[in-house]
Amino acid sequence: MRHICTLELPQERRYLPDSKKPHQAPTLDLLKSETPYGRCIFTKCMWKFVIQYAISWFINPYRLVSFFLGRPTSLSWEDMEIQAPDDPFLLCLVRLTKIMSRSAKSIYLSRHDSFLPVRDAAAAIRRDLADFESLMRHNLGVSVDSDPFSREKGVCQTILTSLYCHTLLLTYRPFIILRAKLSKLLAESCNGNGETFQRERSRMPTWLNEACDIAITAARDAIQHISKASVINPPVQELRYHGFFIGSSIFVLICDVLQDPSIISVHQPWIHMGIQCLHLMREGEPIASTLKAIDLALKKLAQRQVYPDMRSGNSPEFSVGMSSKTGDNGT
């Protein structure tokens, strides 16, 4: 990998204009010349550009997939010497993959004695994502909370926005799990007394509730943006991995409902919006499996007396802004 990324041009003395200067830098006129040396240098330069561009496209999606699937990546940034691409979209993608790597290392791969270091690490990741949003706005003229654009610009916007929301979601999802565990322990200690449970649950640490709100907001933002983009920009419907983002977001909302059945009415419209969006996607896998898994989870909830059937309901209007701007955190 290192040798490919630092591809050097051969020194061919017999083609040099001045044999006494074997390290003479090729000029533009020489590159455009029809001499054997000019053709050789031009070909090597083109191959170097093509190889670096191809490696950039390979490395960053590879790291994205590794991060989303929870798999370790075998390529560290210290081992890469490839230059950053010039394309504005790729520059944003590179920045985001670096943030993902930091999130995986500090949140999931490090051992902590308490959740306070995890909270601090998550806050640092969130600041990095805020800087990424500024870069996205500068390079592409769009942001994660702007309305979806059409055509190619809209596709790039939806890809980066989905990755942004999912990175934020995965960074703060452990806090949802922690609160669910604490809520379960509280429910067991209250012996089914709903009033006592709500009173004790209201005493959850403020920082924990705030962290959970961030994860829930990220889930809503992902669902709403992809849903709006699917209507405005039909090519988005062809990108099947958007089903993965929507499915992950829906399951976070379902997990939050499991903690407190009283907030079903808050999350149900967003769950329904996500299901509607999945039905707009091209039929087949993995969309079919995602829909089946969501339907099974909602059926299990409906079988419990305290949970209504959430497979139907009204969705928030597409005209409303991103949930992070409405001030409704849903918890």
C-alpha atoms as a PDB file:
ATOM      1  CA  MET A   1       0.000   0.000   0.000  1.00  0.00           C
ATOM      2  CA  ARG A   2       2.741   2.447   0.941  1.00  0.00           C
ATOM      3  CA  HIS A   3       4.717   1.727  -2.234  1.00  0.00           C
ATOM      4  CA  ILE A   4       1.655   2.235  -4.391  1.00  0.00           C
ATOM      5  CA  CYS A   5       0.695   5.499  -2.701  1.00  0.00           C
ATOM      6  CA  THR A   6       4.233   6.895  -3.052  1.00  0.00           C
ATOM      7  CA  LEU A   7       4.770   5.763  -6.621  1.00  0.00           C
ATOM      8  CA  GLU A   8       7.966   7.327  -7.953  1.00  0.00           C
ATOM      9  CA  LEU A   9       8.905   7.999 -11.531  1.00  0.00           C
ATOM     10  CA  PRO A  10      11.830   6.022 -12.962  1.00  0.00           C
ATOM     11  CA  GLN A  11      15.087   7.741 -13.783  1.00  0.00           C
ATOM     12  CA  GLU A  12      15.784   6.950 -17.433  1.00  0.00           C
ATOM     13  CA  ARG A  13      19.061   8.642 -18.301  1.00  0.00           C
ATOM     14  CA  ARG A  14      19.002   7.843 -22.006  1.00  0.00           C
ATOM     15  CA  TYR A  15      15.839   9.932 -22.504  1.00  0.00           C
ATOM     16  CA  LEU A  16      16.886  12.943 -20.443  1.00  0.00           C
ATOM     17  CA  PRO A  17      17.539  16.192 -22.306  1.00  0.00           C
ATOM     18  CA  ASP A  18      20.694  16.701 -20.258  1.00  0.00           C
ATOM     19  CA  SER A  19      22.422  13.445 -19.276  1.00  0.00           C
ATOM     20  CA  LYS A  20      24.448  15.285 -16.644  1.00  0.00           C
ATOM     21  CA  LYS A  21      21.234  16.061 -14.713  1.00  0.00           C
ATOM     22  CA  PRO A  22      19.474  12.759 -14.087  1.00  0.00           C
ATOM     23  CA  HIS A  23      17.161  14.320 -11.465  1.00  0.00           C
ATOM     24  CA  GLN A  24      15.979  17.185 -13.631  1.00  0.00           C
ATOM     25  CA  ALA A  25      12.281  17.841 -12.973  1.00  0.00           C
ATOM     26  CA  PRO A  26      10.134  17.320 -16.072  1.00  0.00           C
ATOM     27  CA  THR A  27       8.649  20.534 -17.434  1.00  0.00           C
ATOM     28  CA  LEU A  28       5.151  20.912 -18.874  1.00  0.00           C
ATOM     29  CA  ASP A  29       6.593  21.167 -22.384  1.00  0.00           C
ATOM     30  CA  LEU A  30       8.505  17.942 -21.821  1.00  0.00           C
ATOM     31  CA  LEU A  31       5.387  16.148 -20.581  1.00  0.00           C
ATOM     32  CA  LYS A  32       3.524  17.251 -23.696  1.00  0.00           C
ATOM     33  CA  SER A  33       6.364  16.329 -26.028  1.00  0.00           C
ATOM     34  CA  GLU A  34       6.330  13.307 -28.293  1.00  0.00           C
ATOM     35  CA  THR A  35       9.741  12.086 -27.174  1.00  0.00           C
ATOM     36  CA  PRO A  36       9.913   8.631 -25.547  1.00  0.00           C
ATOM     37  CA  TYR A  37      10.851  10.241 -22.237  1.00  0.00           C
ATOM     38  CA  GLY A  38       7.956  12.684 -22.420  1.00  0.00           C
ATOM     39  CA  ARG A  39       5.475   9.903 -23.135  1.00  0.00           C
ATOM     40  CA  CYS A  40       6.943   7.816 -20.303  1.00  0.00           C
ATOM     41  CA  ILE A  41       6.697  10.627 -17.747  1.00  0.00           C
ATOM     42  CA  PHE A  42       3.178  11.576 -18.848  1.00  0.00           C
ATOM     43  CA  THR A  43       1.998   7.957 -18.600  1.00  0.00           C
ATOM     44  CA  LYS A  44       3.503   7.510 -15.132  1.00  0.00           C
ATOM     45  CA  CYS A  45       1.939  10.753 -13.901  1.00  0.00           C
ATOM     46  CA  MET A  46      -1.467   9.704 -15.171  1.00  0.00           C
ATOM     47  CA  TRP A  47      -1.167   6.268 -13.573  1.00  0.00           C
ATOM     48  CA  LYS A  48      -0.108   7.829 -10.265  1.00  0.00           C
ATOM     49  CA  PHE A  49      -3.191  10.055 -10.315  1.00  0.00           C
ATOM     50  CA  VAL A  50      -5.536   7.206 -11.236  1.00  0.00           C
ATOM     51  CA  ILE A  51      -4.104   4.847  -8.593  1.00  0.00           C
ATOM     52  CA  GLN A  52      -4.275   7.445  -5.817  1.00  0.00           C
ATOM     53  CA  TYR A  53      -7.848   8.361  -6.763  1.00  0.00           C
ATOM     54  CA  ALA A  54      -8.887   4.699  -6.839  1.00  0.00           C
ATOM     55  CA  ILE A  55      -7.238   3.981  -3.478  1.00  0.00           C
ATOM     56  CA  SER A  56      -9.027   6.979  -1.970  1.00  0.00           C
ATOM     57  CA  TRP A  57     -12.346   5.548  -3.145  1.00  0.00           C
ATOM     58  CA  PHE A  58     -11.404   2.132  -1.752  1.00  0.00           C
ATOM     59  CA  ILE A  59     -10.055   3.139   1.653  1.00  0.00           C
ATOM     60  CA  ASN A  60     -12.829   5.463   2.785  1.00  0.00           C
ATOM     61  CA  PRO A  61     -15.846   3.240   1.944  1.00  0.00           C
ATOM     62  CA  TYR A  62     -13.896   0.352   3.492  1.00  0.00           C
ATOM     63  CA  ARG A  63     -13.573   2.271   6.750  1.00  0.00           C
ATOM     64  CA  LEU A  64     -17.231   3.296   6.585  1.00  0.00           C
ATOM     65  CA  VAL A  65     -18.399  -0.301   6.276  1.00  0.00           C
ATOM     66  CA  SER A  66     -16.065  -1.420   9.070  1.00  0.00           C
ATOM     67  CA  PHE A  67     -17.418   1.274  11.378  1.00  0.00           C
ATOM     68  CA  PHE A  68     -21.092   0.597  10.671  1.00  0.00           C
ATOM     69  CA  LEU A  69     -20.769  -3.174  11.033  1.00  0.00           C
ATOM     70  CA  GLY A  70     -18.733  -2.896  14.231  1.00  0.00           C
ATOM     71  CA  ARG A  71     -15.725  -4.600  12.660  1.00  0.00           C
ATOM     72  CA  PRO A  72     -12.117  -3.528  13.290  1.00  0.00           C
ATOM     73  CA  THR A  73     -10.275  -2.047  10.351  1.00  0.00           C
ATOM     74  CA  SER A  74      -6.859  -3.390   9.409  1.00  0.00           C
ATOM     75  CA  LEU A  75      -5.743  -0.120   7.791  1.00  0.00           C
ATOM     76  CA  SER A  76      -4.717   2.598  10.230  1.00  0.00           C
ATOM     77  CA  TRP A  77      -4.308   6.213   9.221  1.00  0.00           C
ATOM     78  CA  GLU A  78      -0.644   6.092  10.271  1.00  0.00           C
ATOM     79  CA  ASP A  79       0.040   3.534   7.527  1.00  0.00           C
ATOM     80  CA  MET A  80      -1.446   5.676   4.769  1.00  0.00           C
ATOM     81  CA  GLU A  81       0.598   8.192   2.856  1.00  0.00           C
ATOM     82  CA  ILE A  82      -1.842   8.912   0.071  1.00  0.00           C
ATOM     83  CA  GLN A  83      -2.532  12.574  -0.540  1.00  0.00           C
ATOM     84  CA  ALA A  84      -5.969  13.980   0.199  1.00  0.00           C
ATOM     85  CA  PRO A  85      -8.223  14.118  -2.879  1.00  0.00           C
ATOM     86  CA  ASP A  86      -9.131  17.433  -4.474  1.00  0.00           C
ATOM     87  CA  ASP A  87     -12.805  16.601  -4.954  1.00  0.00           C
ATOM     88  CA  PRO A  88     -14.914  18.530  -2.364  1.00  0.00           C
ATOM     89  CA  PHE A  89     -17.210  15.574  -1.724  1.00  0.00           C
ATOM     90  CA  LEU A  90     -14.285  13.198  -1.190  1.00  0.00           C
ATOM     91  CA  LEU A  91     -12.626  15.678   1.158  1.00  0.00           C
ATOM     92  CA  CYS A  92     -15.764  15.663   3.305  1.00  0.00           C
ATOM     93  CA  LEU A  93     -15.855  11.877   3.166  1.00  0.00           C
ATOM     94  CA  VAL A  94     -12.224  11.624   4.309  1.00  0.00           C
ATOM     95  CA  ARG A  95     -12.861  13.976   7.231  1.00  0.00           C
ATOM     96  CA  LEU A  96     -15.904  11.955   8.277  1.00  0.00           C
ATOM     97  CA  THR A  97     -14.075   8.619   8.150  1.00  0.00           C
ATOM     98  CA  LYS A  98     -11.414  10.020  10.479  1.00  0.00           C
ATOM     99  CA  ILE A  99     -14.101  11.072  12.949  1.00  0.00           C
ATOM    100  CA  MET A 100     -15.638   7.603  12.710  1.00  0.00           C
ATOM    101  CA  SER A 101     -12.295   5.993  13.472  1.00  0.00           C
ATOM    102  CA  ARG A 102     -11.897   8.189  16.534  1.00  0.00           C
ATOM    103  CA  SER A 103     -15.426   7.360  17.689  1.00  0.00           C
ATOM    104  CA  ALA A 104     -14.874   3.619  17.337  1.00  0.00           C
ATOM    105  CA  LYS A 105     -11.584   3.812  19.226  1.00  0.00           C
ATOM    106  CA  SER A 106     -12.712   6.056  22.086  1.00  0.00           C
ATOM    107  CA  ILE A 107     -16.277   4.783  22.557  1.00  0.00           C
ATOM    108  CA  TYR A 108     -16.214   1.090  21.654  1.00  0.00           C
ATOM    109  CA  LEU A 109     -12.597  -0.096  21.752  1.00  0.00           C
ATOM    110  CA  SER A 110     -11.449   1.557  24.980  1.00  0.00           C
ATOM    111  CA  ARG A 111     -12.164   0.185  28.445  1.00  0.00           C
ATOM    112  CA  HIS A 112     -13.643   2.577  31.003  1.00  0.00           C
ATOM    113  CA  ASP A 113     -14.445   2.200  34.686  1.00  0.00           C
ATOM    114  CA  SER A 114     -17.446   4.526  34.396  1.00  0.00           C
ATOM    115  CA  PHE A 115     -19.537   6.301  31.776  1.00  0.00           C
ATOM    116  CA  LEU A 116     -18.117   9.735  32.559  1.00  0.00           C
ATOM    117  CA  PRO A 117     -15.020   9.265  30.332  1.00  0.00           C
ATOM    118  CA  VAL A 118     -17.352   7.947  27.628  1.00  0.00           C
ATOM    119  CA  ARG A 119     -19.462  11.078  28.001  1.00  0.00           C
ATOM    120  CA  ASP A 120     -16.390  13.290  27.571  1.00  0.00           C
ATOM    121  CA  ALA A 121     -15.219  11.286  24.548  1.00  0.00           C
ATOM    122  CA  ALA A 122     -18.665  11.522  22.964  1.00  0.00           C
ATOM    123  CA  ALA A 123     -18.707  15.284  23.516  1.00  0.00           C
ATOM    124  CA  ALA A 124     -15.357  15.551  21.702  1.00  0.00           C
ATOM    125  CA  ILE A 125     -16.734  13.524  18.789  1.00  0.00           C
ATOM    126  CA  ARG A 126     -19.755  15.799  18.642  1.00  0.00           C
ATOM    127  CA  ARG A 127     -17.488  18.848  18.408  1.00  0.00           C
ATOM    128  CA  ASP A 128     -15.583  17.169  15.573  1.00  0.00           C
ATOM    129  CA  LEU A 129     -18.873  16.557  13.779  1.00  0.00           C
ATOM    130  CA  ALA A 130     -19.767  20.232  14.189  1.00  0.00           C
ATOM    131  CA  ASP A 131     -16.473  21.117  12.482  1.00  0.00           C
ATOM    132  CA  PHE A 132     -17.285  18.590   9.759  1.00  0.00           C
ATOM    133  CA  GLU A 133     -20.630  20.277   9.178  1.00  0.00           C
ATOM    134  CA  SER A 134     -18.808  23.583   8.669  1.00  0.00           C
ATOM    135  CA  LEU A 135     -16.520  21.886   6.129  1.00  0.00           C
ATOM    136  CA  MET A 136     -19.531  20.383   4.374  1.00  0.00           C
ATOM    137  CA  ARG A 137     -21.182  23.796   4.176  1.00  0.00           C
ATOM    138  CA  HIS A 138     -17.982  25.378   2.844  1.00  0.00           C
ATOM    139  CA  ASN A 139     -17.181  22.686   0.249  1.00  0.00           C
ATOM    140  CA  LEU A 140     -20.652  21.787  -0.998  1.00  0.00           C
ATOM    141  CA  GLY A 141     -22.865  24.684   0.055  1.00  0.00           C
ATOM    142  CA  VAL A 142     -25.171  22.399   2.064  1.00  0.00           C
ATOM    143  CA  SER A 143     -25.514  21.341   5.688  1.00  0.00           C
ATOM    144  CA  VAL A 144     -27.064  18.455   7.572  1.00  0.00           C
ATOM    145  CA  ASP A 145     -30.115  20.521   8.529  1.00  0.00           C
ATOM    146  CA  SER A 146     -30.824  22.097   5.140  1.00  0.00           C
ATOM    147  CA  ASP A 147     -33.599  20.863   2.885  1.00  0.00           C
ATOM    148  CA  PRO A 148     -32.530  18.157   0.413  1.00  0.00           C
ATOM    149  CA  PHE A 149     -31.367  19.275  -3.011  1.00  0.00           C
ATOM    150  CA  SER A 150     -32.099  17.474  -6.250  1.00  0.00           C
ATOM    151  CA  ARG A 151     -29.829  15.748  -8.757  1.00  0.00           C
ATOM    152  CA  GLU A 152     -26.151  14.976  -8.022  1.00  0.00           C
ATOM    153  CA  LYS A 153     -25.734  17.637  -5.335  1.00  0.00           C
ATOM    154  CA  GLY A 154     -28.697  16.214  -3.470  1.00  0.00           C
ATOM    155  CA  VAL A 155     -27.320  12.673  -3.605  1.00  0.00           C
ATOM    156  CA  CYS A 156     -23.977  13.820  -2.149  1.00  0.00           C
ATOM    157  CA  GLN A 157     -25.816  15.807   0.513  1.00  0.00           C
ATOM    158  CA  THR A 158     -27.957  12.814   1.510  1.00  0.00           C
ATOM    159  CA  ILE A 159     -24.960  10.478   1.688  1.00  0.00           C
ATOM    160  CA  LEU A 160     -23.000  12.813   3.967  1.00  0.00           C
ATOM    161  CA  THR A 161     -26.020  13.732   6.091  1.00  0.00           C
ATOM    162  CA  SER A 162     -26.909  10.069   6.613  1.00  0.00           C
ATOM    163  CA  LEU A 163     -23.325   9.257   7.579  1.00  0.00           C
ATOM    164  CA  TYR A 164     -23.212  12.260   9.911  1.00  0.00           C
ATOM    165  CA  CYS A 165     -26.435  11.285  11.702  1.00  0.00           C
ATOM    166  CA  HIS A 166     -25.440   7.637  11.942  1.00  0.00           C
ATOM    167  CA  THR A 167     -22.014   8.485  13.365  1.00  0.00           C
ATOM    168  CA  LEU A 168     -23.647  10.681  15.994  1.00  0.00           C
ATOM    169  CA  LEU A 169     -26.189   7.943  16.680  1.00  0.00           C
ATOM    170  CA  LEU A 170     -23.554   5.244  17.194  1.00  0.00           C
ATOM    171  CA  THR A 171     -21.488   7.560  19.377  1.00  0.00           C
ATOM    172  CA  TYR A 172     -24.372   8.176  21.783  1.00  0.00           C
ATOM    173  CA  ARG A 173     -26.245   4.874  21.493  1.00  0.00           C
ATOM    174  CA  PRO A 174     -24.450   3.344  24.538  1.00  0.00           C
ATOM    175  CA  PHE A 175     -26.210   5.924  26.711  1.00  0.00           C
ATOM    176  CA  ILE A 176     -29.592   4.692  25.453  1.00  0.00           C
ATOM    177  CA  ILE A 177     -28.597   1.178  26.503  1.00  0.00           C
ATOM    178  CA  LEU A 178     -27.393   2.409  29.893  1.00  0.00           C
ATOM    179  CA  ARG A 179     -30.646   4.236  30.583  1.00  0.00           C
ATOM    180  CA  ALA A 180     -32.629   1.184  29.472  1.00  0.00           C
ATOM    181  CA  LYS A 181     -30.697  -0.968  31.940  1.00  0.00           C
ATOM    182  CA  LEU A 182     -31.246   1.511  34.766  1.00  0.00           C
ATOM    183  CA  SER A 183     -34.943   1.768  33.900  1.00  0.00           C
ATOM    184  CA  LYS A 184     -35.272  -2.009  34.048  1.00  0.00           C
ATOM    185  CA  LEU A 185     -33.672  -2.092  37.484  1.00  0.00           C
ATOM    186  CA  LEU A 186     -36.000   0.681  38.657  1.00  0.00           C
ATOM    187  CA  ALA A 187     -39.062  -1.142  37.333  1.00  0.00           C
ATOM    188  CA  GLU A 188     -38.067  -4.278  39.198  1.00  0.00           C
ATOM    189  CA  SER A 189     -37.548  -2.356  42.419  1.00  0.00           C
ATOM    190  CA  CYS A 190     -40.916  -0.580  42.092  1.00  0.00           C
ATOM    191  CA  ASN A 191     -42.841  -3.875  41.802  1.00  0.00           C
ATOM    192  CA  GLY A 192     -45.079  -2.625  39.008  1.00  0.00           C
ATOM    193  CA  ASN A 193     -46.030   0.657  40.685  1.00  0.00           C
ATOM    194  CA  GLY A 194     -46.165   3.038  37.724  1.00  0.00           C
ATOM    195  CA  GLU A 195     -46.300   6.219  39.779  1.00  0.00           C
ATOM    196  CA  THR A 196     -43.252   5.248  41.803  1.00  0.00           C
ATOM    197  CA  PHE A 197     -41.418   4.229  38.633  1.00  0.00           C
ATOM    198  CA  GLN A 198     -42.036   7.587  36.935  1.00  0.00           C
ATOM    199  CA  ARG A 199     -40.938   9.458  40.052  1.00  0.00           C
ATOM    200  CA  GLU A 200     -37.711   7.485  40.340  1.00  0.00           C
ATOM    201  CA  ARG A 201     -37.053   7.649  36.607  1.00  0.00           C
ATOM    202  CA  SER A 202     -37.292  11.437  36.710  1.00  0.00           C
ATOM    203  CA  ARG A 203     -34.231  11.369  38.947  1.00  0.00           C
ATOM    204  CA  MET A 204     -32.001  10.036  36.189  1.00  0.00           C
ATOM    205  CA  PRO A 205     -28.764  12.046  35.860  1.00  0.00           C
ATOM    206  CA  THR A 206     -29.230  15.101  33.682  1.00  0.00           C
ATOM    207  CA  TRP A 207     -26.129  14.341  31.626  1.00  0.00           C
ATOM    208  CA  LEU A 208     -27.493  10.859  30.836  1.00  0.00           C
ATOM    209  CA  ASN A 209     -30.841  12.215  29.643  1.00  0.00           C
ATOM    210  CA  GLU A 210     -29.071  14.827  27.521  1.00  0.00           C
ATOM    211  CA  ALA A 211     -26.858  12.177  25.927  1.00  0.00           C
ATOM    212  CA  CYS A 212     -29.911  10.043  25.144  1.00  0.00           C
ATOM    213  CA  ASP A 213     -31.661  13.067  23.636  1.00  0.00           C
ATOM    214  CA  ILE A 214     -28.743  13.522  21.231  1.00  0.00           C
ATOM    215  CA  ALA A 215     -29.021   9.920  20.042  1.00  0.00           C
ATOM    216  CA  ILE A 216     -32.792  10.183  19.621  1.00  0.00           C
ATOM    217  CA  THR A 217     -32.500  13.466  17.723  1.00  0.00           C
ATOM    218  CA  ALA A 218     -29.887  11.937  15.406  1.00  0.00           C
ATOM    219  CA  ALA A 219     -32.226   9.006  14.718  1.00  0.00           C
ATOM    220  CA  ARG A 220     -35.091  11.346  13.869  1.00  0.00           C
ATOM    221  CA  ASP A 221     -32.891  13.536  11.682  1.00  0.00           C
ATOM    222  CA  ALA A 222     -31.710  10.524   9.675  1.00  0.00           C
ATOM    223  CA  ILE A 223     -35.263   9.280   9.142  1.00  0.00           C
ATOM    224  CA  GLN A 224     -36.614  12.668   8.160  1.00  0.00           C
ATOM    225  CA  HIS A 225     -33.804  13.676   5.824  1.00  0.00           C
ATOM    226  CA  ILE A 226     -33.748  10.390   3.910  1.00  0.00           C
ATOM    227  CA  SER A 227     -37.557  10.400   3.707  1.00  0.00           C
ATOM    228  CA  LYS A 228     -37.649  13.916   2.279  1.00  0.00           C
ATOM    229  CA  ALA A 229     -34.753  13.218  -0.075  1.00  0.00           C
ATOM    230  CA  SER A 230     -36.463  10.067  -1.384  1.00  0.00           C
ATOM    231  CA  VAL A 231     -39.421  12.158  -2.514  1.00  0.00           C
ATOM    232  CA  ILE A 232     -37.470  15.125  -3.878  1.00  0.00           C
ATOM    233  CA  ASN A 233     -34.595  13.151  -5.410  1.00  0.00           C
ATOM    234  CA  PRO A 234     -35.685   9.722  -6.776  1.00  0.00           C
ATOM    235  CA  PRO A 235     -32.083   8.447  -7.243  1.00  0.00           C
ATOM    236  CA  VAL A 236     -31.860   8.332  -3.435  1.00  0.00           C
ATOM    237  CA  GLN A 237     -34.373   5.475  -3.514  1.00  0.00           C
ATOM    238  CA  GLU A 238     -31.846   3.379  -5.424  1.00  0.00           C
ATOM    239  CA  LEU A 239     -29.189   3.607  -2.680  1.00  0.00           C
ATOM    240  CA  ARG A 240     -30.092   0.536  -0.674  1.00  0.00           C
ATOM    241  CA  TYR A 241     -27.767   1.231   2.255  1.00  0.00           C
ATOM    242  CA  HIS A 242     -30.105   4.039   3.288  1.00  0.00           C
ATOM    243  CA  GLY A 243     -32.340   1.263   4.545  1.00  0.00           C
ATOM    244  CA  PHE A 244     -29.596   0.379   7.015  1.00  0.00           C
ATOM    245  CA  PHE A 245     -29.544   3.926   8.382  1.00  0.00           C
ATOM    246  CA  ILE A 246     -33.328   4.068   8.704  1.00  0.00           C
ATOM    247  CA  GLY A 247     -33.517   0.623  10.285  1.00  0.00           C
ATOM    248  CA  SER A 248     -30.866   1.500  12.872  1.00  0.00           C
ATOM    249  CA  SER A 249     -32.687   4.735  13.699  1.00  0.00           C
ATOM    250  CA  ILE A 250     -36.055   3.005  14.096  1.00  0.00           C
ATOM    251  CA  PHE A 251     -34.608   0.411  16.460  1.00  0.00           C
ATOM    252  CA  VAL A 252     -33.124   3.155  18.641  1.00  0.00           C
ATOM    253  CA  LEU A 253     -36.594   4.698  18.940  1.00  0.00           C
ATOM    254  CA  ILE A 254     -38.089   1.283  19.729  1.00  0.00           C
ATOM    255  CA  CYS A 255     -35.450   0.770  22.419  1.00  0.00           C
ATOM    256  CA  ASP A 256     -36.395   4.102  23.954  1.00  0.00           C
ATOM    257  CA  VAL A 257     -40.072   3.113  23.921  1.00  0.00           C
ATOM    258  CA  LEU A 258     -39.225  -0.071  25.813  1.00  0.00           C
ATOM    259  CA  GLN A 259     -37.929   2.068  28.672  1.00  0.00           C
ATOM    260  CA  ASP A 260     -41.130   4.064  29.029  1.00  0.00           C
ATOM    261  CA  PRO A 261     -44.406   3.110  27.266  1.00  0.00           C
ATOM    262  CA  SER A 262     -45.794   6.600  27.932  1.00  0.00           C
ATOM    263  CA  ILE A 263     -43.659   8.086  25.126  1.00  0.00           C
ATOM    264  CA  ILE A 264     -45.065   5.826  22.404  1.00  0.00           C
ATOM    265  CA  SER A 265     -47.112   8.667  20.944  1.00  0.00           C
ATOM    266  CA  VAL A 266     -43.921  10.736  20.628  1.00  0.00           C
ATOM    267  CA  HIS A 267     -41.927   8.169  18.648  1.00  0.00           C
ATOM    268  CA  GLN A 268     -44.713   6.474  16.686  1.00  0.00           C
ATOM    269  CA  PRO A 269     -44.936   9.122  13.895  1.00  0.00           C
ATOM    270  CA  TRP A 270     -41.203   8.895  13.265  1.00  0.00           C
ATOM    271  CA  ILE A 271     -41.252   5.103  13.224  1.00  0.00           C
ATOM    272  CA  HIS A 272     -44.117   5.201  10.742  1.00  0.00           C
ATOM    273  CA  MET A 273     -42.255   7.723   8.568  1.00  0.00           C
ATOM    274  CA  GLY A 274     -39.233   5.426   8.462  1.00  0.00           C
ATOM    275  CA  ILE A 275     -41.373   2.440   7.453  1.00  0.00           C
ATOM    276  CA  GLN A 276     -43.011   4.474   4.689  1.00  0.00           C
ATOM    277  CA  CYS A 277     -39.603   5.503   3.387  1.00  0.00           C
ATOM    278  CA  LEU A 278     -38.401   1.893   3.334  1.00  0.00           C
ATOM    279  CA  HIS A 279     -41.403   0.976   1.192  1.00  0.00           C
ATOM    280  CA  LEU A 280     -40.289   3.628  -1.321  1.00  0.00           C
ATOM    281  CA  MET A 281     -36.908   1.951  -1.746  1.00  0.00           C
ATOM    282  CA  ARG A 282     -36.259  -0.544  -4.508  1.00  0.00           C
ATOM    283  CA  GLU A 283     -37.647  -3.950  -3.584  1.00  0.00           C
ATOM    284  CA  GLY A 284     -35.298  -6.740  -2.575  1.00  0.00           C
ATOM    285  CA  GLU A 285     -32.524  -7.180  -0.061  1.00  0.00           C
ATOM    286  CA  PRO A 286     -31.518  -5.720   2.321  1.00  0.00           C
ATOM    287  CA  ILE A 287     -34.686  -3.596   2.438  1.00  0.00           C
ATOM    288  CA  ALA A 288     -36.950  -6.648   2.724  1.00  0.00           C
ATOM    289  CA  SER A 289     -35.024  -8.035   5.703  1.00  0.00           C
ATOM    290  CA  THR A 290     -35.033  -4.643   7.425  1.00  0.00           C
ATOM    291  CA  LEU A 291     -38.797  -4.305   7.041  1.00  0.00           C
ATOM    292  CA  LYS A 292     -39.331  -7.840   8.291  1.00  0.00           C
ATOM    293  CA  ALA A 293     -37.171  -7.232  11.382  1.00  0.00           C
ATOM    294  CA  ILE A 294     -38.980  -3.979  12.204  1.00  0.00           C
ATOM    295  CA  ASP A 295     -42.386  -5.594  11.715  1.00  0.00           C
ATOM    296  CA  LEU A 296     -41.419  -8.470  14.014  1.00  0.00           C
ATOM    297  CA  ALA A 297     -40.231  -6.072  16.730  1.00  0.00           C
ATOM    298  CA  LEU A 298     -43.434  -4.029  16.542  1.00  0.00           C
ATOM    299  CA  LYS A 299     -45.558  -7.184  16.651  1.00  0.00           C
ATOM    300  CA  LYS A 300     -43.777  -8.276  19.821  1.00  0.00           C
ATOM    301  CA  LEU A 301     -44.491  -4.889  21.381  1.00  0.00           C
ATOM    302  CA  ALA A 302     -48.147  -5.001  20.321  1.00  0.00           C
ATOM    303  CA  GLN A 303     -48.543  -8.386  22.017  1.00  0.00           C
ATOM    304  CA  ARG A 304     -47.854  -6.699  25.346  1.00  0.00           C
ATOM    305  CA  GLN A 305     -50.910  -5.070  26.813  1.00  0.00           C
ATOM    306  CA  VAL A 306     -49.204  -1.725  27.488  1.00  0.00           C
ATOM    307  CA  TYR A 307     -48.016  -1.175  23.899  1.00  0.00           C
ATOM    308  CA  PRO A 308     -50.385  -0.267  21.039  1.00  0.00           C
ATOM    309  CA  ASP A 309     -49.736  -1.397  17.479  1.00  0.00           C
ATOM    310  CA  MET A 310     -47.202   1.104  16.108  1.00  0.00           C
ATOM    311  CA  ARG A 311     -47.194  -0.286  12.571  1.00  0.00           C
ATOM    312  CA  SER A 312     -49.691   2.362  11.506  1.00  0.00           C
ATOM    313  CA  GLY A 313     -50.100   6.010  12.323  1.00  0.00           C
ATOM    314  CA  ASN A 314     -49.525   9.493  11.037  1.00  0.00           C
ATOM    315  CA  SER A 315     -46.083  10.694  10.058  1.00  0.00           C
ATOM    316  CA  PRO A 316     -44.736  14.192  10.655  1.00  0.00           C
ATOM    317  CA  GLU A 317     -45.217  16.421   7.657  1.00  0.00           C
ATOM    318  CA  PHE A 318     -42.219  16.676   5.360  1.00  0.00           C
ATOM    319  CA  SER A 319     -42.495  20.452   5.505  1.00  0.00           C
ATOM    320  CA  VAL A 320     -41.375  20.653   9.127  1.00  0.00           C
ATOM    321  CA  GLY A 321     -37.723  21.335   9.894  1.00  0.00           C
ATOM    322  CA  MET A 322     -35.176  18.888  11.202  1.00  0.00           C
ATOM    323  CA  SER A 323     -36.069  17.655  14.651  1.00  0.00           C
ATOM    324  CA  SER A 324     -32.897  19.108  16.136  1.00  0.00           C
ATOM    325  CA  LYS A 325     -34.219  22.563  15.284  1.00  0.00           C
ATOM    326  CA  THR A 326     -37.709  22.132  16.710  1.00  0.00           C
ATOM    327  CA  GLY A 327     -36.619  21.815  20.312  1.00  0.00           C
ATOM    328  CA  ASP A 328     -38.636  18.595  20.807  1.00  0.00           C
ATOM    329  CA  ASN A 329     -36.258  16.012  22.196  1.00  0.00           C
ATOM    330  CA  GLY A 330     -38.930  13.400  22.675  1.00  0.00           C
ATOM    331  CA  THR A 331     -37.878  12.200  26.129  1.00  0.00           C
END
